[in-house]
N, C-alpha and C. Protein backbone atom coordinates (compact mmCIF):
# COMPACT_ATOMS: atom_id res chain seq x y z
N MET A 1 106.52 124.49 73.30
CA MET A 1 106.85 123.35 72.44
C MET A 1 108.13 122.68 72.96
N SER A 2 108.14 121.35 72.92
CA SER A 2 109.26 120.60 73.49
C SER A 2 110.09 119.89 72.43
N VAL A 3 111.35 119.71 72.76
CA VAL A 3 112.23 118.84 71.99
C VAL A 3 112.37 117.56 72.80
N ILE A 4 111.98 116.44 72.21
CA ILE A 4 111.99 115.18 72.93
C ILE A 4 113.12 114.29 72.42
N ILE A 5 113.93 113.80 73.36
CA ILE A 5 115.01 112.87 73.03
C ILE A 5 114.56 111.47 73.41
N ALA A 6 114.72 110.52 72.52
CA ALA A 6 114.32 109.14 72.80
C ALA A 6 115.30 108.17 72.16
N ALA A 7 115.65 107.15 72.90
CA ALA A 7 116.52 106.11 72.36
C ALA A 7 115.66 105.06 71.65
N VAL A 8 116.21 104.48 70.61
CA VAL A 8 115.50 103.42 69.89
C VAL A 8 115.97 102.08 70.42
N GLY A 9 115.01 101.28 70.91
CA GLY A 9 115.39 100.00 71.49
C GLY A 9 114.38 98.93 71.16
N GLY A 10 113.73 98.38 72.21
CA GLY A 10 112.78 97.29 72.02
C GLY A 10 111.60 97.67 71.15
N GLY A 11 110.68 98.45 71.72
CA GLY A 11 109.50 98.85 70.98
C GLY A 11 109.53 100.33 70.69
N ILE A 12 108.58 100.80 69.88
CA ILE A 12 108.54 102.22 69.55
C ILE A 12 107.25 102.88 70.04
N ASP A 13 106.37 102.09 70.67
CA ASP A 13 105.11 102.67 71.15
C ASP A 13 105.36 103.79 72.15
N GLU A 14 106.40 103.61 73.00
CA GLU A 14 106.69 104.62 74.02
C GLU A 14 107.05 105.97 73.41
N ILE A 15 107.56 105.94 72.19
CA ILE A 15 107.92 107.19 71.52
C ILE A 15 106.67 107.96 71.12
N PHE A 16 105.63 107.26 70.72
CA PHE A 16 104.40 107.90 70.26
C PHE A 16 103.53 108.41 71.40
N VAL A 17 103.57 107.73 72.53
CA VAL A 17 102.71 108.12 73.66
C VAL A 17 102.98 109.56 74.08
N ALA A 18 104.24 109.95 74.08
CA ALA A 18 104.59 111.30 74.53
C ALA A 18 104.00 112.39 73.64
N MET A 19 103.74 112.07 72.39
CA MET A 19 103.19 113.07 71.47
C MET A 19 101.82 113.57 71.93
N ARG A 20 101.08 112.68 72.59
CA ARG A 20 99.75 113.07 73.06
C ARG A 20 99.83 113.96 74.30
N GLU A 21 100.93 113.85 75.03
CA GLU A 21 101.06 114.56 76.31
C GLU A 21 101.75 115.91 76.17
N PHE A 22 102.74 115.97 75.29
CA PHE A 22 103.54 117.19 75.18
C PHE A 22 103.45 117.79 73.78
N PRO A 23 103.14 119.09 73.67
CA PRO A 23 103.25 119.76 72.36
C PRO A 23 104.70 119.66 71.91
N THR A 24 104.92 119.02 70.77
CA THR A 24 106.29 118.66 70.38
C THR A 24 106.76 119.43 69.16
N GLU A 25 107.91 120.06 69.30
CA GLU A 25 108.53 120.80 68.19
C GLU A 25 109.36 119.87 67.33
N LYS A 26 110.08 118.95 67.98
CA LYS A 26 110.98 118.05 67.27
C LYS A 26 111.27 116.83 68.13
N VAL A 27 111.54 115.71 67.47
CA VAL A 27 111.96 114.50 68.17
C VAL A 27 113.35 114.12 67.68
N VAL A 28 114.24 113.84 68.62
CA VAL A 28 115.58 113.38 68.28
C VAL A 28 115.71 111.93 68.72
N LEU A 29 115.89 111.03 67.76
CA LEU A 29 116.02 109.61 68.05
C LEU A 29 117.49 109.22 68.08
N ILE A 30 117.89 108.56 69.16
CA ILE A 30 119.27 108.07 69.29
C ILE A 30 119.27 106.58 68.97
N SER A 31 120.10 106.18 68.02
CA SER A 31 120.05 104.80 67.56
C SER A 31 121.43 104.24 67.27
N PHE A 32 121.65 103.00 67.69
CA PHE A 32 122.84 102.27 67.27
C PHE A 32 122.57 101.70 65.88
N PRO A 33 123.62 101.35 65.13
CA PRO A 33 123.44 100.89 63.74
C PRO A 33 122.43 99.75 63.59
N GLU A 34 122.45 98.79 64.53
CA GLU A 34 121.56 97.64 64.41
C GLU A 34 120.10 98.00 64.67
N LYS A 35 119.84 99.22 65.17
CA LYS A 35 118.47 99.66 65.45
C LYS A 35 117.97 100.68 64.42
N MET A 36 118.75 100.93 63.38
CA MET A 36 118.40 101.98 62.43
C MET A 36 117.09 101.71 61.69
N GLN A 37 116.80 100.44 61.45
CA GLN A 37 115.55 100.11 60.76
C GLN A 37 114.35 100.53 61.62
N LYS A 38 114.44 100.27 62.94
CA LYS A 38 113.37 100.69 63.84
C LYS A 38 113.30 102.22 63.94
N ALA A 39 114.47 102.85 63.90
CA ALA A 39 114.50 104.31 63.96
C ALA A 39 113.80 104.91 62.75
N GLU A 40 114.05 104.36 61.57
CA GLU A 40 113.41 104.86 60.35
C GLU A 40 111.91 104.60 60.37
N LYS A 41 111.52 103.46 60.97
CA LYS A 41 110.09 103.15 61.09
C LYS A 41 109.41 104.15 62.01
N ALA A 42 110.06 104.48 63.12
CA ALA A 42 109.51 105.46 64.05
C ALA A 42 109.42 106.83 63.38
N LYS A 43 110.44 107.19 62.60
CA LYS A 43 110.44 108.48 61.90
C LYS A 43 109.27 108.55 60.93
N ALA A 44 109.02 107.46 60.21
CA ALA A 44 107.91 107.43 59.26
C ALA A 44 106.58 107.56 59.99
N GLY A 45 106.48 106.92 61.16
CA GLY A 45 105.25 107.00 61.94
C GLY A 45 105.00 108.41 62.46
N LEU A 46 106.06 109.08 62.89
CA LEU A 46 105.92 110.44 63.41
C LEU A 46 105.61 111.44 62.30
N ALA A 47 105.96 111.09 61.07
CA ALA A 47 105.67 111.98 59.95
C ALA A 47 104.17 112.22 59.81
N LYS A 48 103.37 111.25 60.26
CA LYS A 48 101.92 111.41 60.21
C LYS A 48 101.44 112.57 61.07
N PHE A 49 102.23 112.86 62.12
CA PHE A 49 101.88 113.97 63.02
C PHE A 49 102.53 115.28 62.57
N LYS A 50 103.23 115.23 61.43
CA LYS A 50 103.95 116.39 60.89
C LYS A 50 104.97 116.92 61.90
N ILE A 51 105.65 115.99 62.58
CA ILE A 51 106.67 116.36 63.56
C ILE A 51 108.05 116.06 62.97
N PRO A 52 108.93 117.06 62.92
CA PRO A 52 110.30 116.82 62.41
C PRO A 52 111.03 115.80 63.29
N VAL A 53 111.75 114.92 62.65
CA VAL A 53 112.50 113.90 63.38
C VAL A 53 113.94 113.89 62.91
N GLU A 54 114.84 113.91 63.87
CA GLU A 54 116.27 113.79 63.58
C GLU A 54 116.77 112.47 64.17
N ILE A 55 117.47 111.69 63.36
CA ILE A 55 118.04 110.43 63.85
C ILE A 55 119.55 110.61 64.04
N VAL A 56 120.01 110.36 65.25
CA VAL A 56 121.44 110.44 65.54
C VAL A 56 121.97 109.02 65.72
N LYS A 57 122.81 108.59 64.79
CA LYS A 57 123.39 107.25 64.88
C LYS A 57 124.65 107.29 65.73
N ILE A 58 124.73 106.40 66.71
CA ILE A 58 125.90 106.36 67.58
C ILE A 58 126.53 104.97 67.53
N GLU A 59 127.83 104.93 67.77
CA GLU A 59 128.57 103.67 67.81
C GLU A 59 129.55 103.71 68.97
N GLY A 60 129.90 102.54 69.47
CA GLY A 60 130.87 102.48 70.56
C GLY A 60 130.21 102.21 71.90
N ASP A 61 130.81 102.72 72.97
CA ASP A 61 130.33 102.48 74.32
C ASP A 61 128.98 103.16 74.54
N VAL A 62 127.99 102.39 74.98
CA VAL A 62 126.63 102.93 75.11
C VAL A 62 126.56 104.06 76.12
N TRP A 63 127.31 103.95 77.23
CA TRP A 63 127.28 105.00 78.25
C TRP A 63 127.91 106.28 77.74
N GLU A 64 129.13 106.17 77.24
CA GLU A 64 129.83 107.38 76.79
C GLU A 64 129.10 108.04 75.63
N GLU A 65 128.63 107.26 74.68
CA GLU A 65 127.96 107.82 73.52
C GLU A 65 126.63 108.47 73.90
N THR A 66 125.88 107.83 74.79
CA THR A 66 124.61 108.41 75.22
C THR A 66 124.82 109.73 75.94
N PHE A 67 125.79 109.76 76.86
CA PHE A 67 126.09 111.00 77.57
C PHE A 67 126.54 112.09 76.59
N ARG A 68 127.39 111.73 75.65
CA ARG A 68 127.89 112.71 74.67
C ARG A 68 126.77 113.30 73.86
N VAL A 69 125.89 112.43 73.35
CA VAL A 69 124.83 112.90 72.46
C VAL A 69 123.78 113.72 73.22
N VAL A 70 123.37 113.26 74.39
CA VAL A 70 122.38 114.01 75.17
C VAL A 70 122.91 115.39 75.54
N ASN A 71 124.17 115.45 75.94
CA ASN A 71 124.77 116.75 76.28
C ASN A 71 124.83 117.65 75.06
N ALA A 72 125.17 117.09 73.89
CA ALA A 72 125.25 117.88 72.66
C ALA A 72 123.87 118.40 72.24
N ILE A 73 122.85 117.56 72.40
CA ILE A 73 121.49 117.98 72.05
C ILE A 73 121.03 119.10 72.97
N LYS A 74 121.35 118.98 74.25
CA LYS A 74 120.99 120.03 75.20
C LYS A 74 121.61 121.36 74.79
N LYS A 75 122.90 121.34 74.45
CA LYS A 75 123.59 122.58 74.08
C LYS A 75 123.05 123.15 72.77
N ALA A 76 122.67 122.27 71.84
CA ALA A 76 122.15 122.72 70.55
C ALA A 76 120.75 123.32 70.67
N ASN A 77 120.07 123.01 71.77
CA ASN A 77 118.69 123.50 71.97
C ASN A 77 118.59 124.34 73.24
N GLU A 78 119.64 125.10 73.51
CA GLU A 78 119.69 125.96 74.70
C GLU A 78 118.48 126.90 74.71
N GLY A 79 117.82 126.97 75.87
CA GLY A 79 116.66 127.85 76.01
C GLY A 79 115.35 127.18 75.66
N LYS A 80 115.41 125.97 75.11
CA LYS A 80 114.19 125.25 74.76
C LYS A 80 113.86 124.22 75.84
N ASP A 81 112.64 123.76 75.83
CA ASP A 81 112.19 122.74 76.78
C ASP A 81 112.58 121.37 76.24
N VAL A 82 113.66 120.82 76.77
CA VAL A 82 114.17 119.52 76.30
C VAL A 82 113.74 118.43 77.27
N LEU A 83 113.07 117.42 76.76
CA LEU A 83 112.57 116.30 77.57
C LEU A 83 113.24 115.00 77.12
N VAL A 84 113.52 114.13 78.07
CA VAL A 84 114.16 112.85 77.76
C VAL A 84 113.21 111.71 78.07
N ASN A 85 112.92 110.91 77.05
CA ASN A 85 112.10 109.71 77.22
C ASN A 85 113.02 108.57 77.65
N VAL A 86 112.86 108.08 78.88
CA VAL A 86 113.77 107.05 79.40
C VAL A 86 113.19 105.65 79.26
N SER A 87 112.10 105.51 78.53
CA SER A 87 111.44 104.20 78.42
C SER A 87 111.58 103.52 77.07
N SER A 88 112.07 104.23 76.07
CA SER A 88 111.98 103.71 74.71
C SER A 88 113.15 102.84 74.28
N GLY A 89 114.25 102.84 75.03
CA GLY A 89 115.41 102.05 74.63
C GLY A 89 115.42 100.67 75.24
N ASP A 90 116.52 99.95 75.03
CA ASP A 90 116.66 98.66 75.70
C ASP A 90 117.11 98.90 77.14
N LYS A 91 117.36 97.84 77.89
CA LYS A 91 117.63 97.97 79.32
C LYS A 91 118.81 98.87 79.62
N ILE A 92 119.95 98.65 78.96
CA ILE A 92 121.15 99.44 79.24
C ILE A 92 120.96 100.88 78.79
N THR A 93 120.36 101.06 77.61
CA THR A 93 120.15 102.42 77.10
C THR A 93 119.21 103.20 78.00
N ARG A 94 118.19 102.56 78.55
CA ARG A 94 117.27 103.25 79.47
C ARG A 94 118.02 103.78 80.68
N CYS A 95 118.94 102.97 81.21
CA CYS A 95 119.74 103.41 82.36
C CYS A 95 120.63 104.59 81.98
N ALA A 96 121.26 104.50 80.81
CA ALA A 96 122.15 105.56 80.35
C ALA A 96 121.37 106.85 80.09
N MET A 97 120.18 106.75 79.52
CA MET A 97 119.36 107.92 79.26
C MET A 97 118.92 108.58 80.56
N THR A 98 118.54 107.77 81.55
CA THR A 98 118.13 108.31 82.84
C THR A 98 119.28 109.05 83.50
N SER A 99 120.44 108.42 83.54
CA SER A 99 121.61 109.04 84.18
C SER A 99 122.03 110.32 83.46
N SER A 100 122.05 110.29 82.14
CA SER A 100 122.48 111.46 81.39
C SER A 100 121.51 112.63 81.55
N SER A 101 120.22 112.34 81.71
CA SER A 101 119.26 113.42 81.94
C SER A 101 119.46 114.03 83.32
N PHE A 102 119.74 113.19 84.32
CA PHE A 102 119.96 113.67 85.68
C PHE A 102 121.15 114.61 85.75
N VAL A 103 122.31 114.16 85.24
CA VAL A 103 123.53 114.96 85.39
C VAL A 103 123.52 116.22 84.52
N ASN A 104 122.62 116.27 83.54
CA ASN A 104 122.50 117.46 82.71
C ASN A 104 121.32 118.33 83.12
N GLY A 105 120.63 117.95 84.20
CA GLY A 105 119.52 118.75 84.71
C GLY A 105 118.34 118.84 83.77
N LEU A 106 118.11 117.78 82.97
CA LEU A 106 117.00 117.78 82.01
C LEU A 106 115.78 117.08 82.58
N LYS A 107 114.62 117.51 82.13
CA LYS A 107 113.39 116.83 82.51
C LYS A 107 113.36 115.46 81.84
N ALA A 108 112.94 114.45 82.60
CA ALA A 108 112.85 113.10 82.04
C ALA A 108 111.51 112.50 82.41
N PHE A 109 111.03 111.60 81.56
CA PHE A 109 109.75 110.96 81.85
C PHE A 109 109.80 109.49 81.45
N ALA A 110 109.00 108.70 82.13
CA ALA A 110 108.88 107.28 81.83
C ALA A 110 107.46 107.01 81.33
N VAL A 111 107.34 106.05 80.43
CA VAL A 111 106.04 105.69 79.86
C VAL A 111 105.63 104.32 80.39
N ASN A 112 104.44 104.25 80.94
CA ASN A 112 103.89 102.99 81.43
C ASN A 112 102.52 102.80 80.79
N GLY A 113 102.47 101.96 79.76
CA GLY A 113 101.23 101.80 79.02
C GLY A 113 100.93 103.06 78.25
N ASP A 114 99.79 103.69 78.55
CA ASP A 114 99.43 104.95 77.88
C ASP A 114 99.56 106.13 78.83
N LYS A 115 100.29 105.92 79.94
CA LYS A 115 100.46 106.99 80.91
C LYS A 115 101.93 107.40 81.02
N ILE A 116 102.13 108.66 81.39
CA ILE A 116 103.48 109.21 81.52
C ILE A 116 103.73 109.66 82.95
N GLY A 117 104.90 109.31 83.46
CA GLY A 117 105.28 109.75 84.80
C GLY A 117 106.56 110.56 84.71
N MET A 118 106.55 111.76 85.27
CA MET A 118 107.73 112.61 85.25
C MET A 118 108.70 112.19 86.35
N LEU A 119 109.97 112.18 86.03
CA LEU A 119 111.00 111.87 87.01
C LEU A 119 111.46 113.17 87.67
N PRO A 120 111.97 113.08 88.91
CA PRO A 120 112.45 114.31 89.57
C PRO A 120 113.65 114.88 88.84
N ILE A 121 113.75 116.19 88.83
CA ILE A 121 114.89 116.86 88.19
C ILE A 121 115.96 117.10 89.24
N LEU A 122 117.16 116.62 88.97
CA LEU A 122 118.28 116.83 89.88
C LEU A 122 119.10 118.00 89.35
N LYS A 123 118.84 119.18 89.89
CA LYS A 123 119.55 120.36 89.43
C LYS A 123 120.79 120.59 90.27
N PHE A 124 121.89 120.06 89.81
CA PHE A 124 123.17 120.30 90.47
C PHE A 124 124.25 120.28 89.40
N SER A 125 125.39 120.78 89.76
CA SER A 125 126.51 120.80 88.82
C SER A 125 127.74 120.24 89.50
N TYR A 126 128.33 119.23 88.89
CA TYR A 126 129.57 118.68 89.43
C TYR A 126 130.63 119.78 89.52
N TYR A 127 130.63 120.66 88.53
CA TYR A 127 131.67 121.68 88.48
C TYR A 127 131.59 122.63 89.67
N LYS A 128 130.39 122.86 90.19
CA LYS A 128 130.24 123.72 91.37
C LYS A 128 130.69 123.02 92.64
N LEU A 129 130.71 121.69 92.63
CA LEU A 129 131.08 120.93 93.81
C LEU A 129 132.58 120.62 93.87
N ILE A 130 133.26 120.79 92.76
CA ILE A 130 134.66 120.40 92.67
C ILE A 130 135.57 121.62 92.84
N THR A 131 136.46 121.56 93.82
CA THR A 131 137.41 122.64 94.05
C THR A 131 138.51 122.59 92.98
N ASP A 132 139.30 123.64 92.93
CA ASP A 132 140.39 123.69 91.95
C ASP A 132 141.37 122.54 92.13
N ARG A 133 141.67 122.19 93.39
CA ARG A 133 142.64 121.12 93.63
C ARG A 133 142.05 119.75 93.27
N LYS A 134 140.77 119.55 93.53
CA LYS A 134 140.14 118.31 93.10
C LYS A 134 140.15 118.21 91.58
N MET A 135 139.89 119.34 90.92
CA MET A 135 139.91 119.34 89.46
C MET A 135 141.31 119.05 88.94
N ALA A 136 142.33 119.54 89.63
CA ALA A 136 143.71 119.28 89.21
C ALA A 136 144.02 117.79 89.29
N ILE A 137 143.49 117.12 90.31
CA ILE A 137 143.67 115.68 90.44
C ILE A 137 142.97 114.95 89.30
N LEU A 138 141.76 115.36 88.99
CA LEU A 138 141.02 114.74 87.90
C LEU A 138 141.72 114.94 86.56
N ARG A 139 142.24 116.13 86.33
CA ARG A 139 142.95 116.39 85.08
C ARG A 139 144.19 115.51 84.96
N THR A 140 144.88 115.35 86.08
CA THR A 140 146.08 114.51 86.07
C THR A 140 145.72 113.08 85.71
N LEU A 141 144.70 112.55 86.34
CA LEU A 141 144.27 111.17 86.07
C LEU A 141 143.79 111.01 84.63
N TYR A 142 143.23 112.07 84.07
CA TYR A 142 142.71 112.01 82.70
C TYR A 142 143.84 112.10 81.66
N LYS A 143 144.81 112.97 81.92
CA LYS A 143 145.86 113.22 80.95
C LYS A 143 147.02 112.24 81.03
N GLU A 144 147.35 111.82 82.25
CA GLU A 144 148.52 110.97 82.44
C GLU A 144 148.18 109.51 82.17
N VAL A 145 148.76 108.95 81.14
CA VAL A 145 148.53 107.55 80.81
C VAL A 145 149.14 106.66 81.90
N ASP A 146 148.40 105.63 82.30
CA ASP A 146 148.85 104.67 83.30
C ASP A 146 149.03 105.26 84.70
N CYS A 147 148.49 106.43 84.95
CA CYS A 147 148.52 107.00 86.30
C CYS A 147 147.19 106.68 86.97
N CYS A 148 147.22 106.22 88.20
CA CYS A 148 148.37 106.19 89.09
C CYS A 148 148.30 104.91 89.93
N ALA A 149 149.45 104.27 90.09
CA ALA A 149 149.51 103.01 90.81
C ALA A 149 149.48 103.20 92.31
N SER A 150 149.59 104.43 92.76
CA SER A 150 149.56 104.72 94.20
C SER A 150 149.23 106.18 94.40
N LEU A 151 148.79 106.52 95.62
CA LEU A 151 148.53 107.92 95.95
C LEU A 151 149.84 108.71 95.96
N GLU A 152 150.94 108.02 96.30
CA GLU A 152 152.24 108.67 96.29
C GLU A 152 152.59 109.14 94.87
N GLU A 153 152.31 108.27 93.89
CA GLU A 153 152.58 108.64 92.50
C GLU A 153 151.70 109.82 92.08
N LEU A 154 150.44 109.77 92.46
CA LEU A 154 149.52 110.86 92.14
C LEU A 154 149.98 112.16 92.79
N SER A 155 150.48 112.06 94.02
CA SER A 155 150.98 113.23 94.73
C SER A 155 152.10 113.90 93.94
N GLY A 156 153.02 113.09 93.43
CA GLY A 156 154.12 113.64 92.66
C GLY A 156 153.67 114.25 91.35
N LYS A 157 152.71 113.62 90.68
CA LYS A 157 152.22 114.12 89.39
C LYS A 157 151.49 115.45 89.56
N CYS A 158 150.75 115.57 90.68
CA CYS A 158 149.93 116.77 90.91
C CYS A 158 150.72 117.90 91.57
N GLY A 159 151.84 117.55 92.19
CA GLY A 159 152.59 118.56 92.92
C GLY A 159 151.92 118.94 94.22
N MET A 160 151.17 118.01 94.80
CA MET A 160 150.53 118.21 96.10
C MET A 160 151.11 117.23 97.10
N SER A 161 151.01 117.60 98.36
CA SER A 161 151.49 116.70 99.40
C SER A 161 150.60 115.46 99.47
N LEU A 162 151.15 114.36 99.96
CA LEU A 162 150.38 113.13 100.07
C LEU A 162 149.14 113.29 100.95
N PRO A 163 149.25 113.93 102.14
CA PRO A 163 148.05 114.11 102.97
C PRO A 163 146.96 114.92 102.26
N LEU A 164 147.38 115.93 101.46
CA LEU A 164 146.40 116.75 100.75
C LEU A 164 145.70 115.94 99.66
N VAL A 165 146.47 115.13 98.93
CA VAL A 165 145.89 114.28 97.90
C VAL A 165 144.92 113.28 98.54
N SER A 166 145.33 112.68 99.64
CA SER A 166 144.48 111.72 100.33
C SER A 166 143.17 112.38 100.78
N TYR A 167 143.27 113.61 101.26
CA TYR A 167 142.07 114.34 101.71
C TYR A 167 141.10 114.58 100.55
N HIS A 168 141.62 115.03 99.41
CA HIS A 168 140.75 115.33 98.28
C HIS A 168 140.17 114.06 97.65
N VAL A 169 140.89 112.96 97.76
CA VAL A 169 140.38 111.69 97.22
C VAL A 169 139.37 111.06 98.16
N ASN A 170 139.71 111.00 99.44
CA ASN A 170 138.88 110.28 100.41
C ASN A 170 137.89 111.15 101.17
N GLY A 171 138.17 112.46 101.24
CA GLY A 171 137.27 113.35 101.97
C GLY A 171 137.33 113.15 103.46
N ASN A 172 136.37 113.75 104.15
CA ASN A 172 136.24 113.57 105.61
C ASN A 172 134.76 113.72 105.96
N PRO A 173 134.38 113.59 107.24
CA PRO A 173 132.96 113.68 107.59
C PRO A 173 132.27 114.97 107.16
N LYS A 174 133.04 116.05 106.96
CA LYS A 174 132.45 117.33 106.61
C LYS A 174 132.51 117.63 105.11
N SER A 175 133.31 116.88 104.38
CA SER A 175 133.49 117.17 102.96
C SER A 175 133.69 115.89 102.16
N ASP A 176 132.87 115.69 101.14
CA ASP A 176 133.01 114.50 100.30
C ASP A 176 134.28 114.58 99.45
N GLY A 177 134.97 113.46 99.34
CA GLY A 177 136.12 113.38 98.45
C GLY A 177 135.69 112.92 97.07
N LEU A 178 136.63 112.85 96.17
CA LEU A 178 136.33 112.43 94.80
C LEU A 178 135.79 111.01 94.75
N LYS A 179 136.24 110.18 95.67
CA LYS A 179 135.76 108.80 95.72
C LYS A 179 134.28 108.75 96.09
N GLU A 180 133.89 109.52 97.11
CA GLU A 180 132.50 109.57 97.54
C GLU A 180 131.61 110.18 96.47
N MET A 181 132.16 111.08 95.68
CA MET A 181 131.39 111.73 94.62
C MET A 181 131.25 110.83 93.40
N GLY A 182 131.90 109.68 93.43
CA GLY A 182 131.78 108.73 92.32
C GLY A 182 132.61 109.08 91.11
N LEU A 183 133.63 109.92 91.29
CA LEU A 183 134.44 110.36 90.16
C LEU A 183 135.74 109.59 90.02
N VAL A 184 136.17 108.91 91.08
CA VAL A 184 137.38 108.07 91.01
C VAL A 184 137.10 106.73 91.68
N GLU A 185 137.92 105.77 91.32
CA GLU A 185 137.84 104.44 91.93
C GLU A 185 139.22 104.07 92.46
N THR A 186 139.25 103.41 93.61
CA THR A 186 140.54 103.00 94.18
C THR A 186 140.53 101.50 94.45
N THR A 187 141.73 100.92 94.36
CA THR A 187 141.91 99.51 94.70
C THR A 187 143.21 99.39 95.48
N GLU A 188 143.17 98.56 96.51
CA GLU A 188 144.36 98.39 97.36
C GLU A 188 145.04 97.07 97.03
N LYS A 189 146.33 97.12 96.84
CA LYS A 189 147.12 95.93 96.54
C LYS A 189 148.50 96.07 97.15
N LYS A 190 148.82 95.13 98.02
CA LYS A 190 150.13 95.12 98.68
C LYS A 190 150.44 96.43 99.38
N GLY A 191 149.42 96.95 100.04
CA GLY A 191 149.60 98.16 100.83
C GLY A 191 149.61 99.46 100.04
N ARG A 192 149.45 99.37 98.73
CA ARG A 192 149.42 100.56 97.88
C ARG A 192 148.01 100.76 97.34
N VAL A 193 147.57 102.01 97.28
CA VAL A 193 146.23 102.33 96.81
C VAL A 193 146.31 102.90 95.40
N ALA A 194 145.93 102.09 94.43
CA ALA A 194 145.89 102.55 93.04
C ALA A 194 144.61 103.36 92.82
N ILE A 195 144.67 104.33 91.95
CA ILE A 195 143.52 105.20 91.72
C ILE A 195 143.35 105.47 90.23
N LYS A 196 142.10 105.53 89.79
CA LYS A 196 141.81 105.86 88.39
C LYS A 196 140.46 106.56 88.31
N LEU A 197 140.20 107.19 87.20
CA LEU A 197 138.91 107.84 86.99
C LEU A 197 137.81 106.78 86.87
N SER A 198 136.66 107.06 87.42
CA SER A 198 135.49 106.21 87.21
C SER A 198 134.88 106.59 85.86
N LEU A 199 133.85 105.86 85.46
CA LEU A 199 133.16 106.19 84.21
C LEU A 199 132.65 107.63 84.27
N MET A 200 132.02 108.00 85.39
CA MET A 200 131.49 109.36 85.52
C MET A 200 132.62 110.38 85.48
N GLY A 201 133.76 110.03 86.08
CA GLY A 201 134.90 110.94 86.04
C GLY A 201 135.39 111.18 84.63
N ARG A 202 135.45 110.11 83.82
CA ARG A 202 135.89 110.25 82.43
C ARG A 202 134.90 111.09 81.63
N LEU A 203 133.61 110.85 81.85
CA LEU A 203 132.60 111.60 81.13
C LEU A 203 132.65 113.08 81.50
N LEU A 204 132.91 113.35 82.78
CA LEU A 204 133.03 114.73 83.25
C LEU A 204 134.19 115.43 82.57
N MET A 205 135.34 114.76 82.51
CA MET A 205 136.52 115.37 81.92
C MET A 205 136.39 115.55 80.41
N LYS A 206 135.55 114.75 79.78
CA LYS A 206 135.33 114.89 78.34
C LYS A 206 134.28 115.95 78.03
N GLY A 207 133.66 116.48 79.09
CA GLY A 207 132.69 117.55 78.90
C GLY A 207 131.29 117.08 78.59
N TYR A 208 130.99 115.80 78.89
CA TYR A 208 129.67 115.26 78.59
C TYR A 208 128.70 115.40 79.77
N VAL A 209 129.18 115.97 80.86
CA VAL A 209 128.37 116.15 82.07
C VAL A 209 128.43 117.62 82.45
N GLU A 210 127.28 118.17 82.81
CA GLU A 210 127.24 119.60 83.19
C GLU A 210 127.65 119.78 84.65
């Protein structure tokens, strides 16, 4: 039996199609306030199949909230078969659902008409790829407000030498740096390289990514 996560967006037909394909224990609908009427309609429709439905209302940034909720649902259903429907939301939510399923190693599927296509599972962990010193840099960028206007400033905050900080940020041909991993972003201005966490970096530090 599966736990299916689905965002409420344009239509709700995609939510029902999966019921025919997967024996379903429960459906968790993710909905923004303006979509709650559609969420309640979908819940009423699923009641005909005697399937429990939980509606999780989210507010704020669609990316951060989607990652937070999907990660929380995964942890709450540890050991169960959790599937993510990436077709039922609007355009932005579909992208966020797909990304959050990938980074959490969850099975995801797309609905096309009355057919379902499974997406590949990306089983990897950012935490296994990040060394202690890379993690120290990420923690500094997360905790220190307004850090950092330059790699020199970051070097001082982290207590690492400038060449070492540059190596962990930029990497080399044999090892990806934080920039290549998509966890930080840099901008150059007047010869100084400012650095900050990317969206994925912030989500990682908040614990929304496995």
